[in-house]
Amino acid sequence: MDEIKRLERQIRELQEELQKQNFQAARMRQELADENLRKLQAYQAEMQTNLDRHDKEVQKEYDRLLKEYQDSVNEELREQQLQMNDEYQKLLINTQVKEREWQEKTRQLQQLIDELKKSGVEKDKVSSQEARKYLEESMRAYKNVEKKPHEKFFPKRLHNYHNAIREARTMYESGLNEAAIAISISAKSGVNRLGYDVDDEFDEWKRQYFILKNKVGSIYLKLNDEIDIWGKFSGSHTRKKEDKINGQKAVNFWSKGEYGNICNQIALIGKEIALAESEGVESYLKQDKSMSGDDIKKYIDKVDELEKKFNSLQILYKNQYEASCERSDWGERIIDFFTDELNLLWIESESHFRMADENTMNSIDYTGYMKTFFGDNYETVDMRQWLELVFANASDTKIFIYLIPYEKGTMVENRIVLYIDFSGAVNEEYSKQIYLHICESIGFEDNGIIRYASDVNDLKNNVNRTLSDTGKSIEKKIQKMK
């Protein structure tokens, strides 16, 4: 019995020492993040205050600090930063020594327990009251850990100790008090150690959860703020709720549904955060479907990816809108010039923005925008695509002009394709004159944005999908007009 108590005392002292050293190591690691956290929280409050002014510098600094804080709580980075700290190094070495010693004492205790089980007798006379005391201590330790979200971090581990405590109770009820004490001590030691490990994992989970919550909050504010930015950009800015909704539809339309897609993905992550907040993180983590630490890290990576995508989208969709406005403006100038100055016939029924395909017509971003701004009987064209104009001269020669958006990264540039359907031989001089008249009508010199196509088949077979579709469209129009 003396050997059992000696091992119990040594194991308890080692556990307490390990807990103390682990706490010191965690404190040293956390100190690296605390300053960043204070700055982050200050900038978060400032960002909210300056939101109406769209203070981009504050937003930029907040994003930088959020990334810095994320890095500073990353375990791998923290360890790298602390490698040069002598005090930390000594602490780690000492902890490793204590860990090995704890494992050896635990092994010795387990060996003693196994011997007691095999012998089936008590080597020393131990009172039933003392055995009961140790059994109750192990049960209290078990109940303390049971309250924690242990299953999320160490599935089924506590169940093993439950079986050990039941075995100790059986030994106690059979009068094998020494064996009951040994098993109880071993179970209590294991349960306490599990409790420390659960606390460490839970602390790390909360740190990562804090980062996720802030990142989601940051991009949510950006997404919401973008509607006001769009309103000022497009000249439709008001504080009416209806105009806010219309603004969302407009941004979603011009971003080709990407804005709504990002909003939906952020909302799904936000819904999980809201569930954790409403139930409390400890209760939340006891659910089987709650986020694990790895899930949170994946969500953080996903939010970073969505934010990067949104940052590009903020530029791209506005350029797409401006390019569409420019195509409309160019189209009106060309029509006015060709009808007034050249006396050409404008074939209005064949002149319009590209007809929307089936997928576009069924998409929420398209239908929501068109119904809102053009009513239920809107023409099924897509202003984000090319603008096609058709003219005819006195000889019934058809002139096809396509104003096409060309995208490269976040840049959008309008280009023009010209095709003239001569009934006989190609008139190069006439083609050149039409080409120059297009330049004159839109106020551009010959800068390479206009492409003259002499053969529809060449256009159809072009590797550029848009030019190929242009050739197919011209061919259909020619066949339709015959």
Protein backbone atom coordinates (compact mmCIF):
# COMPACT_ATOMS: atom_id res chain seq x y z
CA MET A 1 0.00 0.00 0.00
CA ASP A 2 2.88 2.34 0.76
CA GLU A 3 4.19 1.84 -2.80
CA ILE A 4 0.78 2.78 -4.24
CA LYS A 5 0.59 5.94 -2.17
CA ARG A 6 4.17 6.86 -3.04
CA LEU A 7 3.39 6.54 -6.75
CA GLU A 8 0.16 8.50 -6.29
CA ARG A 9 2.03 11.37 -4.61
CA GLN A 10 4.73 11.43 -7.26
CA ILE A 11 2.23 11.29 -10.13
CA ARG A 12 0.16 14.09 -8.57
CA GLU A 13 3.25 16.27 -8.11
CA LEU A 14 4.37 15.61 -11.67
CA GLN A 15 0.93 16.45 -13.01
CA GLU A 16 0.83 19.69 -11.08
CA GLU A 17 4.32 20.58 -12.30
CA LEU A 18 3.43 19.73 -15.92
CA GLN A 19 0.26 21.79 -15.67
CA LYS A 20 2.23 24.73 -14.32
CA GLN A 21 4.91 24.46 -17.03
CA ASN A 22 2.34 24.05 -19.81
CA PHE A 23 0.58 27.13 -18.49
CA GLN A 24 3.85 29.09 -18.53
CA ALA A 25 4.59 27.98 -22.10
CA ALA A 26 1.08 28.89 -23.21
CA ARG A 27 1.38 32.27 -21.50
CA MET A 28 4.65 33.00 -23.29
CA ARG A 29 3.11 32.06 -26.64
CA GLN A 30 -0.02 34.08 -25.97
CA GLU A 31 1.98 37.19 -25.09
CA LEU A 32 3.12 37.25 -28.72
CA ALA A 33 -0.51 37.65 -29.80
CA ASP A 34 -1.89 39.93 -27.06
CA GLU A 35 -0.49 43.17 -28.45
CA ASN A 36 -1.83 42.38 -31.92
CA LEU A 37 -5.20 41.55 -30.40
CA ARG A 38 -5.39 44.92 -28.61
CA LYS A 39 -4.55 46.75 -31.84
CA LEU A 40 -7.01 44.63 -33.76
CA GLN A 41 -9.88 45.40 -31.39
CA ALA A 42 -9.06 49.12 -31.46
CA TYR A 43 -9.05 49.19 -35.26
CA GLN A 44 -12.23 47.14 -35.39
CA ALA A 45 -14.02 49.79 -33.34
CA GLU A 46 -12.47 52.57 -35.43
CA MET A 47 -13.44 50.85 -38.66
CA GLN A 48 -17.07 50.69 -37.55
CA THR A 49 -16.96 54.38 -36.60
CA ASN A 50 -15.46 55.37 -39.97
CA LEU A 51 -17.60 53.05 -42.06
CA ASP A 52 -19.86 55.78 -43.41
CA ARG A 53 -16.79 57.68 -44.61
CA HIS A 54 -15.48 54.55 -46.31
CA ASP A 55 -12.11 55.06 -44.68
CA LYS A 56 -10.08 52.66 -46.79
CA GLU A 57 -6.88 53.24 -44.84
CA VAL A 58 -8.54 52.14 -41.61
CA GLN A 59 -9.99 49.10 -43.37
CA LYS A 60 -6.61 48.24 -44.87
CA GLU A 61 -4.89 48.53 -41.48
CA TYR A 62 -7.60 46.41 -39.85
CA ASP A 63 -7.13 43.68 -42.47
CA ARG A 64 -3.37 43.76 -41.95
CA LEU A 65 -3.69 43.45 -38.19
CA LEU A 66 -6.24 40.67 -38.51
CA LYS A 67 -3.80 38.71 -40.69
CA GLU A 68 -0.97 39.51 -38.24
CA TYR A 69 -3.04 38.29 -35.31
CA GLN A 70 -3.96 35.12 -37.21
CA ASP A 71 -0.29 34.42 -37.82
CA SER A 72 0.66 35.18 -34.23
CA VAL A 73 -1.74 32.58 -32.80
CA ASN A 74 -0.68 29.96 -35.32
CA GLU A 75 1.08 27.26 -33.30
CA GLU A 76 3.83 26.62 -35.80
CA LEU A 77 4.73 30.29 -36.14
CA ARG A 78 4.67 30.86 -32.40
CA GLU A 79 7.08 27.98 -31.86
CA GLN A 80 9.42 29.36 -34.53
CA GLN A 81 9.37 32.82 -32.96
CA LEU A 82 10.12 31.38 -29.52
CA GLN A 83 13.01 29.16 -30.63
CA MET A 84 15.45 31.99 -29.87
CA ASN A 85 14.09 32.49 -26.35
CA ASP A 86 16.44 30.73 -23.87
CA GLU A 87 13.88 30.72 -21.09
CA TYR A 88 11.33 29.11 -23.34
CA GLN A 89 13.84 26.51 -24.54
CA LYS A 90 14.74 25.54 -20.96
CA LEU A 91 11.06 25.28 -20.13
CA LEU A 92 10.40 22.97 -23.07
CA ILE A 93 13.33 20.70 -22.20
CA ASN A 94 12.28 20.50 -18.56
CA THR A 95 8.67 19.78 -19.57
CA GLN A 96 9.80 16.92 -21.81
CA VAL A 97 11.79 15.42 -18.93
CA LYS A 98 8.80 15.70 -16.59
CA GLU A 99 6.56 14.18 -19.25
CA ARG A 100 8.76 11.12 -19.60
CA GLU A 101 8.97 10.79 -15.80
CA TRP A 102 5.17 11.02 -15.50
CA GLN A 103 4.77 8.31 -18.12
CA GLU A 104 7.22 6.05 -16.29
CA LYS A 105 5.44 6.51 -12.91
CA THR A 106 2.11 5.83 -14.58
CA ARG A 107 3.56 2.65 -16.12
CA GLN A 108 4.81 1.52 -12.72
CA LEU A 109 1.40 2.12 -11.16
CA GLN A 110 -0.32 0.19 -13.95
CA GLN A 111 2.14 -2.69 -13.46
CA LEU A 112 1.31 -2.73 -9.75
CA ILE A 113 -2.42 -2.75 -10.55
CA ASP A 114 -1.98 -5.68 -12.93
CA GLU A 115 -0.07 -7.61 -10.24
CA LEU A 116 -2.83 -6.97 -7.70
CA LYS A 117 -5.48 -8.18 -10.14
CA LYS A 118 -3.56 -11.37 -10.80
CA SER A 119 -2.91 -12.14 -7.13
CA GLY A 120 -6.53 -11.57 -6.17
CA VAL A 121 -5.48 -10.84 -2.56
CA GLU A 122 -4.43 -7.81 -0.58
CA LYS A 123 -0.83 -7.50 0.50
CA ASP A 124 -1.65 -4.96 3.19
CA LYS A 125 -4.69 -4.47 5.29
CA VAL A 126 -6.47 -1.37 4.01
CA SER A 127 -9.72 -0.05 5.43
CA SER A 128 -12.87 0.02 3.34
CA GLN A 129 -13.31 3.68 4.27
CA GLU A 130 -9.95 4.62 2.71
CA ALA A 131 -10.73 2.68 -0.47
CA ARG A 132 -14.09 4.44 -0.70
CA LYS A 133 -12.35 7.82 -0.33
CA TYR A 134 -10.09 7.17 -3.32
CA LEU A 135 -13.00 5.84 -5.37
CA GLU A 136 -15.04 8.99 -4.70
CA GLU A 137 -12.07 11.22 -5.64
CA SER A 138 -11.78 9.48 -9.01
CA MET A 139 -15.53 9.89 -9.57
CA ARG A 140 -15.36 13.63 -8.78
CA ALA A 141 -12.47 14.06 -11.19
CA TYR A 142 -14.48 12.18 -13.83
CA LYS A 143 -17.54 14.40 -13.37
CA ASN A 144 -15.45 17.59 -13.64
CA VAL A 145 -14.02 16.52 -16.99
CA GLU A 146 -17.40 15.22 -18.16
CA LYS A 147 -18.70 18.82 -18.09
CA LYS A 148 -16.05 19.87 -20.60
CA PRO A 149 -16.30 19.41 -24.41
CA HIS A 150 -14.00 16.38 -24.21
CA GLU A 151 -15.68 14.38 -26.99
CA LYS A 152 -14.88 17.07 -29.57
CA PHE A 153 -11.15 16.87 -28.90
CA PHE A 154 -10.60 13.35 -27.51
CA PRO A 155 -13.48 11.09 -28.62
CA LYS A 156 -14.20 8.05 -26.43
CA ARG A 157 -11.16 8.75 -24.22
CA LEU A 158 -13.20 9.53 -21.09
CA HIS A 159 -15.26 6.40 -21.62
CA ASN A 160 -12.15 4.30 -20.96
CA TYR A 161 -11.75 5.89 -17.54
CA HIS A 162 -15.43 5.29 -16.83
CA ASN A 163 -14.80 1.57 -17.28
CA ALA A 164 -11.76 1.76 -14.99
CA ILE A 165 -13.80 3.47 -12.23
CA ARG A 166 -16.49 0.79 -12.57
CA GLU A 167 -13.79 -1.85 -12.18
CA ALA A 168 -12.50 -0.08 -9.05
CA ARG A 169 -16.04 -0.09 -7.63
CA THR A 170 -16.31 -3.84 -8.31
CA MET A 171 -13.01 -4.42 -6.50
CA TYR A 172 -14.21 -2.29 -3.59
CA GLU A 173 -17.50 -4.15 -3.33
CA SER A 174 -15.56 -7.45 -3.38
CA GLY A 175 -13.43 -6.31 -0.45
CA LEU A 176 -10.26 -5.96 -2.52
CA ASN A 177 -9.57 -2.50 -1.13
CA GLU A 178 -5.91 -2.21 -2.14
CA ALA A 179 -6.70 -3.06 -5.77
CA ALA A 180 -9.65 -0.62 -5.67
CA ILE A 181 -7.37 2.15 -4.39
CA ALA A 182 -4.71 1.46 -7.05
CA ILE A 183 -7.23 1.50 -9.91
CA SER A 184 -8.92 4.63 -8.50
CA ILE A 185 -5.59 6.46 -8.27
CA SER A 186 -4.69 5.45 -11.83
CA ALA A 187 -8.12 6.51 -13.16
CA LYS A 188 -8.03 9.84 -11.32
CA SER A 189 -4.53 10.56 -12.66
CA GLY A 190 -5.59 9.77 -16.23
CA VAL A 191 -8.82 11.79 -15.96
CA ASN A 192 -6.99 14.82 -14.57
CA ARG A 193 -4.44 14.65 -17.36
CA LEU A 194 -7.24 14.39 -19.91
CA GLY A 195 -8.83 17.48 -18.34
CA TYR A 196 -5.60 19.45 -18.83
CA ASP A 197 -5.36 18.30 -22.46
CA VAL A 198 -9.00 19.22 -23.12
CA ASP A 199 -8.40 22.69 -21.67
CA ASP A 200 -5.38 23.20 -23.95
CA GLU A 201 -7.30 22.10 -27.05
CA PHE A 202 -10.30 24.20 -26.06
CA ASP A 203 -8.13 27.30 -25.60
CA GLU A 204 -6.62 26.82 -29.06
CA TRP A 205 -10.10 26.27 -30.53
CA LYS A 206 -11.31 29.53 -28.97
CA ARG A 207 -8.31 31.42 -30.38
CA GLN A 208 -8.99 30.16 -33.89
CA TYR A 209 -12.72 30.76 -33.45
CA PHE A 210 -12.02 34.37 -32.48
CA ILE A 211 -10.06 34.85 -35.71
CA LEU A 212 -12.85 33.31 -37.78
CA LYS A 213 -15.50 35.44 -36.09
CA ASN A 214 -13.53 38.62 -36.78
CA LYS A 215 -12.80 37.70 -40.39
CA VAL A 216 -16.45 36.93 -41.08
CA GLY A 217 -17.48 40.19 -39.39
CA SER A 218 -14.93 42.12 -41.44
CA ILE A 219 -16.02 40.78 -44.84
CA TYR A 220 -19.68 41.09 -43.86
CA LEU A 221 -19.16 44.82 -43.25
CA LYS A 222 -17.39 45.11 -46.60
CA LEU A 223 -20.19 43.32 -48.45
CA ASN A 224 -22.81 45.49 -46.79
CA ASP A 225 -20.81 48.67 -47.35
CA GLU A 226 -20.43 47.84 -51.04
CA ILE A 227 -24.10 48.63 -51.62
CA ASP A 228 -23.55 52.22 -50.49
CA ILE A 229 -20.39 52.41 -52.58
CA TRP A 230 -22.35 51.21 -55.60
CA GLY A 231 -25.10 53.75 -54.94
CA LYS A 232 -22.60 56.61 -54.99
CA PHE A 233 -20.77 55.14 -57.98
CA SER A 234 -23.93 54.72 -60.06
CA GLY A 235 -25.63 57.90 -58.81
CA SER A 236 -28.50 56.05 -57.12
CA HIS A 237 -27.39 56.47 -53.49
CA THR A 238 -30.20 56.94 -50.96
CA ARG A 239 -30.93 55.66 -47.48
CA LYS A 240 -34.26 54.09 -48.42
CA LYS A 241 -34.58 50.39 -47.63
CA GLU A 242 -36.06 49.70 -51.07
CA ASP A 243 -33.08 51.30 -52.80
CA LYS A 244 -30.74 49.20 -50.66
CA ILE A 245 -32.44 46.05 -51.94
CA ASN A 246 -32.32 47.33 -55.51
CA GLY A 247 -28.66 48.14 -55.00
CA GLN A 248 -27.99 44.54 -53.96
CA LYS A 249 -29.72 43.30 -57.10
CA ALA A 250 -27.70 45.69 -59.26
CA VAL A 251 -24.36 44.70 -57.73
CA ASN A 252 -25.26 41.02 -58.06
CA PHE A 253 -26.26 41.50 -61.71
CA TRP A 254 -23.16 43.39 -62.80
CA SER A 255 -20.91 40.99 -60.90
CA LYS A 256 -22.63 38.13 -62.78
CA GLY A 257 -23.95 36.61 -59.59
CA GLU A 258 -20.56 36.49 -57.85
CA TYR A 259 -21.54 39.04 -55.21
CA GLY A 260 -24.57 36.96 -54.20
CA ASN A 261 -22.50 33.79 -54.23
CA ILE A 262 -19.94 35.32 -51.85
CA CYS A 263 -22.72 36.67 -49.61
CA ASN A 264 -24.35 33.23 -49.44
CA GLN A 265 -21.11 31.46 -48.53
CA ILE A 266 -20.32 34.00 -45.83
CA ALA A 267 -23.88 33.69 -44.53
CA LEU A 268 -23.49 29.91 -44.14
CA ILE A 269 -20.33 30.36 -42.08
CA GLY A 270 -21.98 33.19 -40.15
CA LYS A 271 -24.93 30.91 -39.38
CA GLU A 272 -22.56 28.42 -37.73
CA ILE A 273 -20.96 31.21 -35.70
CA ALA A 274 -24.39 32.49 -34.68
CA LEU A 275 -25.31 29.00 -33.47
CA ALA A 276 -22.16 28.81 -31.35
CA GLU A 277 -22.80 32.28 -29.92
CA SER A 278 -26.45 31.61 -29.09
CA GLU A 279 -25.77 28.30 -27.33
CA GLY A 280 -22.43 29.20 -25.78
CA VAL A 281 -19.27 27.62 -27.15
CA GLU A 282 -19.02 24.88 -24.50
CA SER A 283 -22.57 23.66 -25.11
CA TYR A 284 -22.07 24.07 -28.84
CA LEU A 285 -18.92 21.92 -28.86
CA LYS A 286 -20.79 19.05 -27.23
CA GLN A 287 -22.83 18.66 -30.42
CA ASP A 288 -21.59 16.10 -32.92
CA LYS A 289 -21.88 18.53 -35.86
CA SER A 290 -20.05 21.42 -34.19
CA MET A 291 -16.94 22.85 -35.83
CA SER A 292 -13.66 21.17 -35.03
CA GLY A 293 -10.36 23.05 -34.94
CA ASP A 294 -9.60 21.79 -38.44
CA ASP A 295 -13.05 22.92 -39.62
CA ILE A 296 -12.37 26.43 -38.30
CA LYS A 297 -9.00 26.59 -40.08
CA LYS A 298 -10.68 25.50 -43.33
CA TYR A 299 -13.34 28.19 -42.82
CA ILE A 300 -10.61 30.79 -42.23
CA ASP A 301 -8.92 29.76 -45.48
CA LYS A 302 -12.30 29.91 -47.23
CA VAL A 303 -13.04 33.42 -45.93
CA ASP A 304 -9.56 34.55 -47.01
CA GLU A 305 -10.23 33.13 -50.47
CA LEU A 306 -13.65 34.83 -50.68
CA GLU A 307 -12.21 38.13 -49.49
CA LYS A 308 -9.48 38.00 -52.12
CA LYS A 309 -12.10 37.24 -54.74
CA PHE A 310 -14.31 40.08 -53.52
CA ASN A 311 -11.44 42.58 -53.59
CA SER A 312 -10.98 41.86 -57.30
CA LEU A 313 -14.72 41.78 -57.86
CA GLN A 314 -15.13 45.29 -56.44
CA ILE A 315 -13.06 46.62 -59.33
CA LEU A 316 -14.20 44.23 -62.05
CA TYR A 317 -17.97 44.60 -61.82
CA LYS A 318 -17.79 48.41 -61.84
CA ASN A 319 -15.59 48.23 -64.94
CA GLN A 320 -18.11 45.86 -66.52
CA TYR A 321 -20.89 48.34 -65.78
CA GLU A 322 -18.93 51.28 -67.18
CA ALA A 323 -18.01 49.27 -70.29
CA SER A 324 -21.71 48.46 -70.85
CA CYS A 325 -22.59 52.14 -70.51
CA GLU A 326 -19.86 52.94 -73.01
CA ARG A 327 -21.22 50.35 -75.46
CA SER A 328 -24.66 51.93 -75.17
CA ASP A 329 -23.17 55.37 -75.77
CA TRP A 330 -21.11 54.17 -78.72
CA GLY A 331 -24.14 52.38 -80.14
CA GLU A 332 -26.23 55.56 -80.06
CA ARG A 333 -23.43 57.58 -81.66
CA ILE A 334 -22.94 55.02 -84.43
CA ILE A 335 -26.69 54.83 -85.13
CA ASP A 336 -27.02 58.63 -85.24
CA PHE A 337 -23.98 59.04 -87.47
CA PHE A 338 -24.79 56.18 -89.86
CA THR A 339 -28.43 57.22 -90.30
CA ASP A 340 -27.97 61.03 -90.36
CA GLU A 341 -24.61 61.40 -92.07
CA LEU A 342 -24.44 58.27 -94.26
CA ASN A 343 -28.15 57.77 -94.89
CA LEU A 344 -27.95 54.08 -94.01
CA LEU A 345 -30.99 52.12 -92.88
CA TRP A 346 -30.79 51.01 -89.29
CA ILE A 347 -32.43 47.58 -88.88
CA GLU A 348 -33.72 48.07 -85.36
CA SER A 349 -35.26 44.61 -84.94
CA GLU A 350 -31.82 43.00 -85.36
CA SER A 351 -29.96 45.54 -83.23
CA HIS A 352 -29.75 44.91 -79.50
CA PHE A 353 -27.59 43.60 -76.72
CA ARG A 354 -26.87 39.90 -76.97
CA MET A 355 -29.91 37.74 -76.29
CA ALA A 356 -29.70 35.98 -72.93
CA ASP A 357 -29.19 32.22 -73.09
CA GLU A 358 -31.32 29.77 -71.12
CA ASN A 359 -28.93 29.56 -68.15
CA THR A 360 -28.79 33.35 -67.91
CA MET A 361 -32.57 33.74 -68.14
CA ASN A 362 -33.01 31.26 -65.28
CA SER A 363 -30.38 32.82 -63.01
CA ILE A 364 -31.45 34.84 -59.97
CA ASP A 365 -28.98 37.65 -60.64
CA TYR A 366 -30.47 38.21 -64.12
CA THR A 367 -34.19 37.82 -63.40
CA GLY A 368 -34.01 39.80 -60.15
CA TYR A 369 -32.36 42.76 -61.87
CA MET A 370 -34.43 42.77 -65.06
CA LYS A 371 -37.80 42.52 -63.28
CA THR A 372 -36.86 45.23 -60.81
CA PHE A 373 -35.58 47.76 -63.33
CA PHE A 374 -37.54 46.85 -66.51
CA GLY A 375 -40.76 45.26 -65.26
CA ASP A 376 -42.17 41.79 -65.89
CA ASN A 377 -42.23 42.17 -69.68
CA TYR A 378 -38.54 42.92 -70.08
CA GLU A 379 -36.68 42.11 -73.28
CA THR A 380 -34.48 39.06 -72.68
CA VAL A 381 -31.19 40.68 -73.57
CA ASP A 382 -28.02 40.77 -71.48
CA MET A 383 -26.43 44.23 -71.21
CA ARG A 384 -23.27 42.65 -69.81
CA GLN A 385 -22.62 41.07 -73.21
CA TRP A 386 -21.98 42.49 -76.68
CA LEU A 387 -24.11 45.08 -78.43
CA GLU A 388 -24.94 44.19 -82.05
CA LEU A 389 -25.98 46.77 -84.67
CA VAL A 390 -27.19 46.03 -88.20
CA PHE A 391 -27.44 48.51 -91.06
CA ALA A 392 -28.24 48.30 -94.77
CA ASN A 393 -27.24 50.63 -97.61
CA ALA A 394 -29.17 51.51 -100.77
CA SER A 395 -27.80 48.38 -102.48
CA ASP A 396 -29.15 46.24 -99.61
CA THR A 397 -25.63 45.43 -98.46
CA LYS A 398 -25.78 44.47 -94.78
CA ILE A 399 -23.32 46.01 -92.33
CA PHE A 400 -22.84 44.22 -88.99
CA ILE A 401 -21.15 46.01 -86.09
CA TYR A 402 -20.48 44.25 -82.79
CA LEU A 403 -19.38 46.15 -79.68
CA ILE A 404 -17.70 43.50 -77.53
CA PRO A 405 -16.40 43.66 -73.92
CA TYR A 406 -12.88 42.24 -73.56
CA GLU A 407 -11.79 41.29 -70.03
CA LYS A 408 -8.26 40.79 -68.76
CA GLY A 409 -7.96 40.49 -64.99
CA THR A 410 -10.05 43.32 -63.56
CA MET A 411 -9.71 45.40 -66.74
CA VAL A 412 -12.62 45.63 -69.19
CA GLU A 413 -12.11 47.17 -72.62
CA ASN A 414 -14.64 47.51 -75.42
CA ARG A 415 -13.64 46.33 -78.86
CA ILE A 416 -15.48 46.43 -82.17
CA VAL A 417 -15.95 43.79 -84.86
CA LEU A 418 -17.08 44.96 -88.31
CA TYR A 419 -18.40 42.65 -91.03
CA ILE A 420 -19.97 43.70 -94.35
CA ASP A 421 -22.00 41.13 -96.26
CA PHE A 422 -21.32 42.03 -99.88
CA SER A 423 -23.57 40.27 -102.37
CA GLY A 424 -20.71 40.15 -104.86
CA ALA A 425 -17.00 40.84 -104.66
CA VAL A 426 -15.62 42.49 -101.53
CA ASN A 427 -15.31 46.26 -101.90
CA GLU A 428 -12.17 47.05 -99.94
CA GLU A 429 -12.53 50.82 -100.34
CA TYR A 430 -16.13 50.78 -99.04
CA SER A 431 -15.08 48.61 -96.12
CA LYS A 432 -12.30 51.04 -95.28
CA GLN A 433 -14.71 53.99 -95.39
CA ILE A 434 -17.18 52.26 -93.01
CA TYR A 435 -14.27 51.46 -90.71
CA LEU A 436 -13.20 55.12 -90.63
CA HIS A 437 -16.79 56.28 -90.10
CA ILE A 438 -17.03 54.07 -87.00
CA CYS A 439 -13.87 55.71 -85.66
CA GLU A 440 -15.29 59.15 -86.42
CA SER A 441 -18.69 58.45 -84.86
CA ILE A 442 -17.26 57.36 -81.49
CA GLY A 443 -14.44 59.92 -81.53
CA PHE A 444 -11.59 57.41 -81.72
CA GLU A 445 -8.62 57.34 -83.99
CA ASP A 446 -7.43 54.06 -85.45
CA ASN A 447 -6.02 52.53 -82.26
CA GLY A 448 -6.58 48.85 -82.90
CA ILE A 449 -9.85 48.41 -81.02
CA ILE A 450 -11.75 47.80 -84.31
CA ARG A 451 -11.36 44.48 -86.09
CA TYR A 452 -12.50 44.20 -89.69
CA ALA A 453 -13.64 40.67 -90.56
CA SER A 454 -13.88 39.79 -94.24
CA ASP A 455 -14.93 36.16 -93.74
CA VAL A 456 -17.65 34.84 -91.39
CA ASN A 457 -16.09 31.38 -91.35
CA ASP A 458 -12.82 32.83 -90.07
CA LEU A 459 -14.73 34.42 -87.21
CA LYS A 460 -16.62 31.20 -86.44
CA ASN A 461 -13.38 29.23 -86.25
CA ASN A 462 -11.56 31.77 -84.09
CA VAL A 463 -10.05 30.33 -80.90
CA ASN A 464 -11.52 33.28 -78.99
CA ARG A 465 -14.94 32.12 -77.80
CA THR A 466 -16.52 35.57 -78.08
CA LEU A 467 -15.30 36.13 -81.65
CA SER A 468 -16.42 32.63 -82.60
CA ASP A 469 -19.90 33.33 -81.17
CA THR A 470 -19.91 36.63 -83.06
CA GLY A 471 -19.35 34.79 -86.34
CA LYS A 472 -22.18 32.36 -85.56
CA SER A 473 -24.50 35.25 -84.71
CA ILE A 474 -23.73 37.05 -88.00
CA GLU A 475 -24.33 33.85 -89.96
CA LYS A 476 -27.75 33.37 -88.34
CA LYS A 477 -28.74 36.98 -89.03
CA ILE A 478 -27.73 36.67 -92.70
CA GLN A 479 -29.77 33.51 -93.11
CA LYS A 480 -32.74 35.10 -91.30
CA MET A 481 -32.69 38.17 -93.56
CA LYS A 482 -32.67 36.21 -96.81
